[in-house]
Amino acid sequence: METITLGSQGQLVLPKAIQAIHQWVEGTKFVIWDKGSEIVLKPVSTFPISQLESPNTPSVYQGVPLTLEDMEKAIDIEAGKQK
């Protein structure tokens, strides 16, 4: 555990080892939560939050539906290639 000090402008400097472990670089943005006796810092996601399609969205696949047997056969063939 390391101790850090609050600077005159309210800045905290995170130890380089912590930065390296999490691959945080200068300019990384964080959200902060006040949990009463502690604070939590979490880096802002670098990717936008995905929106799932509605279950009513038509499938992209336009071919003849495969049977369960056909799907299992395809899996077996691909699994055999991995050996």
Protein backbone atom coordinates (compact mmCIF):
# COMPACT_ATOMS: atom_id res chain seq x y z
CA MET A 1 0.00 0.00 0.00
CA GLU A 2 1.33 3.42 -0.90
CA THR A 3 0.40 6.83 0.44
CA ILE A 4 -0.26 9.72 -1.94
CA THR A 5 -0.76 13.40 -1.13
CA LEU A 6 -3.42 15.80 -2.31
CA GLY A 7 -1.75 18.67 -4.16
CA SER A 8 -2.50 22.38 -3.80
CA GLN A 9 -4.85 22.28 -6.81
CA GLY A 10 -6.68 19.13 -5.66
CA GLN A 11 -4.61 16.75 -7.78
CA LEU A 12 -3.59 13.22 -6.84
CA VAL A 13 -0.66 11.53 -8.56
CA LEU A 14 -1.11 7.79 -8.90
CA PRO A 15 2.04 5.70 -8.41
CA LYS A 16 3.75 4.72 -11.67
CA ALA A 17 3.44 1.02 -10.81
CA ILE A 18 -0.35 1.34 -10.56
CA GLN A 19 -0.46 3.28 -13.82
CA ALA A 20 1.64 0.66 -15.58
CA ILE A 21 -0.40 -2.30 -14.31
CA HIS A 22 -3.62 -0.75 -15.61
CA GLN A 23 -2.02 0.81 -18.70
CA TRP A 24 -3.26 4.27 -17.71
CA VAL A 25 -1.53 7.09 -19.54
CA GLU A 26 -1.59 10.86 -19.21
CA GLY A 27 -5.06 12.10 -20.11
CA THR A 28 -6.92 8.96 -18.98
CA LYS A 29 -10.32 10.08 -17.72
CA PHE A 30 -11.92 8.68 -14.57
CA VAL A 31 -15.32 8.77 -12.94
CA ILE A 32 -15.33 9.17 -9.18
CA TRP A 33 -17.80 7.91 -6.58
CA ASP A 34 -17.97 9.14 -3.01
CA LYS A 35 -18.73 6.10 -0.84
CA GLY A 36 -18.70 7.97 2.45
CA SER A 37 -15.51 6.78 4.11
CA GLU A 38 -13.79 6.02 0.81
CA ILE A 39 -13.69 7.15 -2.82
CA VAL A 40 -13.69 4.96 -5.92
CA LEU A 41 -11.96 5.90 -9.17
CA LYS A 42 -12.87 4.04 -12.35
CA PRO A 43 -11.44 4.78 -15.79
CA VAL A 44 -13.99 5.91 -18.33
CA SER A 45 -14.56 3.22 -20.94
CA THR A 46 -12.56 3.82 -24.11
CA PHE A 47 -15.34 2.26 -26.17
CA PRO A 48 -18.86 3.62 -26.42
CA ILE A 49 -21.48 1.55 -24.64
CA SER A 50 -23.04 -0.90 -27.10
CA GLN A 51 -26.73 -0.90 -27.72
CA LEU A 52 -28.21 -4.34 -28.25
CA GLU A 53 -30.64 -4.85 -31.08
CA SER A 54 -34.24 -5.44 -30.25
CA PRO A 55 -35.23 -9.13 -30.16
CA ASN A 56 -37.67 -8.23 -32.94
CA THR A 57 -34.84 -7.20 -35.29
CA PRO A 58 -34.75 -9.54 -38.29
CA SER A 59 -31.79 -11.88 -38.55
CA VAL A 60 -28.99 -10.98 -40.95
CA TYR A 61 -28.81 -14.61 -42.13
CA GLN A 62 -31.07 -15.07 -45.17
CA GLY A 63 -30.34 -18.72 -46.02
CA VAL A 64 -32.26 -21.90 -45.23
CA PRO A 65 -32.42 -22.47 -41.46
CA LEU A 66 -30.00 -25.16 -40.28
CA THR A 67 -31.12 -28.10 -38.21
CA LEU A 68 -29.53 -28.82 -34.85
CA GLU A 69 -27.82 -31.83 -36.48
CA ASP A 70 -26.33 -29.60 -39.19
CA MET A 71 -24.98 -27.17 -36.58
CA GLU A 72 -23.49 -29.97 -34.46
CA LYS A 73 -21.85 -31.47 -37.56
CA ALA A 74 -20.30 -28.10 -38.45
CA ILE A 75 -19.00 -27.73 -34.87
CA ASP A 76 -17.47 -31.22 -34.97
CA ILE A 77 -15.74 -30.45 -38.29
CA GLU A 78 -14.29 -27.17 -36.97
CA ALA A 79 -13.27 -28.76 -33.66
CA GLY A 80 -11.40 -31.45 -35.62
CA LYS A 81 -9.37 -28.73 -37.36
CA GLN A 82 -8.22 -27.38 -33.99
CA LYS A 83 -6.43 -30.61 -33.00
